[in-house]
């Protein structure tokens, strides 16, 4: 089984982290997991809870386990079973954009990719307080793959 591939870039006023992995499940199955807000914490160890429905134009309240952090991204760019974007923050001060992409393969599997890009004038000041997203994204991708590949799930 292939391990998730992590990519990271850092600049003065921007940084990004991405993960990509192949999942032996249909894009529909993976999409179902990614868009079920109530079910998210059942499979995703990086999310304590999500309030709101994951659909175009909605704002979510995402709680991170082990912290009092709450993110409030807005969902946009939804193309079912293909892609969506979650955007939070206030440009040009600080903005985070997380993009999810699914690509179906002929063998019935799905390539999953997720990237988060942070930018803004405050980034140099808050960069040190942000976690290393590499391990978090790897865990996210492994959790998603395990849930999607679970038989009878």
Protein backbone atom coordinates (compact mmCIF):
# COMPACT_ATOMS: atom_id res chain seq x y z
CA UNK A 1 0.00 0.00 0.00
CA UNK A 2 1.35 3.37 -1.04
CA UNK A 3 1.93 5.95 1.69
CA UNK A 4 0.44 9.44 1.27
CA UNK A 5 2.76 11.92 -0.48
CA UNK A 6 3.25 15.17 1.45
CA UNK A 7 4.35 18.44 -0.17
CA UNK A 8 5.20 21.64 1.71
CA UNK A 9 6.27 25.10 0.59
CA UNK A 10 7.06 28.18 2.66
CA UNK A 11 7.49 31.82 1.69
CA UNK A 12 7.52 35.11 3.58
CA UNK A 13 3.78 35.71 3.20
CA UNK A 14 2.55 32.29 2.12
CA UNK A 15 2.86 28.63 2.98
CA UNK A 16 1.18 25.51 1.69
CA UNK A 17 0.88 21.87 2.60
CA UNK A 18 -0.60 19.14 0.45
CA UNK A 19 -1.22 15.42 0.56
CA UNK A 20 -2.07 12.94 -2.18
CA UNK A 21 -2.96 9.25 -1.95
CA UNK A 22 -4.73 6.61 -4.00
CA UNK A 23 -7.82 5.10 -2.34
CA UNK A 24 -9.23 1.74 -3.42
CA UNK A 25 -12.83 3.00 -3.46
CA UNK A 26 -15.06 4.94 -5.82
CA UNK A 27 -15.07 8.74 -5.92
CA UNK A 28 -18.72 8.57 -4.81
CA UNK A 29 -17.76 6.66 -1.66
CA UNK A 30 -14.88 9.05 -0.85
CA UNK A 31 -17.08 12.09 -1.57
CA UNK A 32 -19.77 10.72 0.74
CA UNK A 33 -17.28 10.66 3.61
CA UNK A 34 -15.88 14.13 2.82
CA UNK A 35 -19.32 15.75 2.77
CA UNK A 36 -20.94 14.07 5.80
CA UNK A 37 -20.32 16.65 8.54
CA UNK A 38 -21.88 14.61 11.35
CA UNK A 39 -19.94 11.48 10.37
CA UNK A 40 -16.57 13.25 9.99
CA UNK A 41 -15.30 12.62 13.56
CA UNK A 42 -16.18 8.91 13.25
CA UNK A 43 -13.45 8.36 10.66
CA UNK A 44 -11.23 11.46 10.89
CA UNK A 45 -8.95 11.68 13.94
CA UNK A 46 -7.96 15.26 13.01
CA UNK A 47 -11.49 16.64 13.50
CA UNK A 48 -13.46 16.65 16.78
CA UNK A 49 -16.69 17.93 15.20
CA UNK A 50 -18.15 19.93 12.34
CA UNK A 51 -21.26 22.07 12.73
CA UNK A 52 -23.16 22.91 9.56
CA UNK A 53 -23.77 21.10 6.28
CA UNK A 54 -20.89 20.66 3.87
CA UNK A 55 -22.44 22.16 0.74
CA UNK A 56 -21.96 25.14 -1.57
CA UNK A 57 -22.07 28.52 0.20
CA UNK A 58 -22.38 27.18 3.76
CA UNK A 59 -20.14 28.26 6.59
CA UNK A 60 -18.87 25.49 8.86
CA UNK A 61 -17.63 25.44 12.46
CA UNK A 62 -14.79 22.95 12.61
CA UNK A 63 -13.36 21.90 15.99
CA UNK A 64 -9.82 20.50 16.27
CA UNK A 65 -9.28 17.76 18.88
CA UNK A 66 -7.12 18.57 21.88
CA UNK A 67 -7.41 22.34 21.34
CA UNK A 68 -9.99 25.08 21.80
CA UNK A 69 -9.43 26.05 18.15
CA UNK A 70 -12.51 26.56 15.99
CA UNK A 71 -12.20 27.25 12.29
CA UNK A 72 -15.10 28.76 10.34
CA UNK A 73 -14.45 28.07 6.65
CA UNK A 74 -16.96 28.73 3.88
CA UNK A 75 -17.57 25.95 1.35
CA UNK A 76 -17.33 26.89 -2.34
CA UNK A 77 -16.43 25.52 -5.75
CA UNK A 78 -18.36 22.32 -5.14
CA UNK A 79 -18.37 19.84 -8.03
CA UNK A 80 -19.79 16.61 -6.55
CA UNK A 81 -17.36 13.68 -6.55
CA UNK A 82 -14.61 15.93 -7.98
CA UNK A 83 -13.68 18.96 -5.88
CA UNK A 84 -14.54 21.61 -3.29
CA UNK A 85 -12.81 24.43 -1.44
CA UNK A 86 -13.02 25.58 2.17
CA UNK A 87 -11.92 29.20 2.71
CA UNK A 88 -11.42 30.99 6.03
CA UNK A 89 -9.81 34.13 7.38
CA UNK A 90 -9.74 37.69 6.13
CA UNK A 91 -7.58 38.64 3.13
CA UNK A 92 -5.17 40.42 3.02
CA UNK A 93 -4.60 39.93 6.79
CA UNK A 94 -4.70 36.12 7.00
CA UNK A 95 -6.42 33.63 4.75
CA UNK A 96 -6.49 29.84 4.54
CA UNK A 97 -7.79 27.99 1.50
CA UNK A 98 -8.17 24.19 1.61
CA UNK A 99 -8.84 22.46 -1.69
CA UNK A 100 -10.07 18.88 -2.00
CA UNK A 101 -9.80 17.03 -5.33
CA UNK A 102 -10.90 13.55 -6.38
CA UNK A 103 -9.90 11.87 -9.64
CA UNK A 104 -11.50 8.56 -10.62
CA UNK A 105 -9.24 5.93 -12.15
CA UNK A 106 -10.17 3.18 -14.62
CA UNK A 107 -9.47 0.49 -11.98
CA UNK A 108 -12.28 1.85 -9.75
CA UNK A 109 -9.92 3.58 -7.32
CA UNK A 110 -9.76 7.31 -6.62
CA UNK A 111 -6.82 9.68 -6.35
CA UNK A 112 -7.43 11.99 -3.39
CA UNK A 113 -5.54 15.28 -3.07
CA UNK A 114 -5.90 17.98 -0.44
CA UNK A 115 -3.92 21.21 -0.21
CA UNK A 116 -4.09 24.09 2.22
CA UNK A 117 -2.59 27.44 1.25
CA UNK A 118 -2.11 30.13 3.88
CA UNK A 119 -1.35 33.72 2.97
CA UNK A 120 -1.55 37.21 4.35
CA UNK A 121 0.26 40.02 6.06
CA UNK A 122 -0.07 38.37 9.51
CA UNK A 123 1.39 35.04 8.37
CA UNK A 124 4.98 35.86 9.41
CA UNK A 125 3.69 36.61 12.94
CA UNK A 126 1.46 33.51 13.31
CA UNK A 127 3.53 31.00 11.32
CA UNK A 128 5.33 29.84 14.46
CA UNK A 129 2.06 29.03 16.23
CA UNK A 130 0.72 26.92 13.36
CA UNK A 131 1.21 23.16 13.61
CA UNK A 132 3.36 21.16 11.19
CA UNK A 133 0.60 20.20 8.77
CA UNK A 134 2.60 17.35 7.18
CA UNK A 135 1.83 14.73 9.86
CA UNK A 136 -1.73 16.05 10.29
CA UNK A 137 -2.43 15.78 6.55
CA UNK A 138 -0.85 12.32 6.40
CA UNK A 139 -3.13 11.16 9.22
CA UNK A 140 -6.15 12.78 7.50
CA UNK A 141 -5.39 10.94 4.23
CA UNK A 142 -4.77 7.61 6.01
CA UNK A 143 -8.01 7.98 8.01
CA UNK A 144 -9.97 8.76 4.83
CA UNK A 145 -8.44 5.84 2.95
CA UNK A 146 -9.14 3.41 5.81
CA UNK A 147 -12.78 4.52 6.08
CA UNK A 148 -13.40 4.47 2.31
CA UNK A 149 -11.77 1.05 1.87
CA UNK A 150 -13.57 -0.51 4.84
CA UNK A 151 -15.71 -3.39 3.56
CA UNK A 152 -19.43 -2.87 3.94
CA UNK A 153 -18.95 0.74 5.04
